[in-house]
């Protein structure tokens, strides 16, 4: 391959890379696995016969999706033996407020949305994301998944039904999120729980992911009273010396906690349509926090 063609090949991949990484992360729920999938896609792209590829972006999307489905099957087998609650790997995201399209993309990054995707079959997940989030035509998705178009439409319809039923595709106003962030911190640092109690749903759930590598509650805590008790009584003891850094995680306001410069926890939230918190997500598994250093956050 000549130098000029090689440059064009690399440029085509780099142009598609943000799209591929966004798709792979949503399918896999792991930034590290997503980066592996995109790298594997590049290796395959570099060895391809580019003269026969009419649409490089579509080719790359197909190759990346298929690689993600392979990785997802392996990930599901690993998660059977996972210690405690499994949560997606948190990612730092910029505040999206400049266009409706970016708000739509941000709503498909939240922990709540990614956890709903976990309940779909791999092909349902891929078909839904490709069509409803990334606007890929049904004919192209059918080719990627190696099924006919009618079956592809059924996959998307079933997935959409699950997601619509769980009502996770909405945006809570930033000022409402800021109220919860402030109240949550006050409950831990000052023991003031009244404001936080007003902002929690009756059936709020707190889930913590330590991956069996660091201490974390193994079973989710359900209900306002149980959550408030844990936040105001247990967390102040555990988090007393930590540094708090406010950050936007998966499109939602939250916190990163650091101990002597090392990220040890990431906290984010989910909301109902009335702006009350339905979930508190605490990620403590160090393998999922490696990318959340101070430089990345700021």
Foldseek 3Di string as FASTA:
>chain_A
DDPVVLVVLVVLLVVLVVVQQLLLCLLALESVVSVVLSVVLSVVSSPDPVVPDPDSNLSSNLSSLVSSLVVNVVVVVVVVPFFFDDWRQKDFDDADDDDPLVLQSLLSQDRVNSVLLVPARSLLSSLQCCCVNVNHDLCSSCVSVVHDSVVSVVSNVVSVVSCVVSQSRDDDDQVLLVQLQVQLVCCQPPVDNPSNLVQADQFAKEGEHQRVPDDDDRYIDTGSVRVSCCSNPPNNVVQVQWDWDWGQISNGTWTFTDDPQQTQWTWGFGADPVSHTRYIYIYGHSVSCPCVGPVSRD
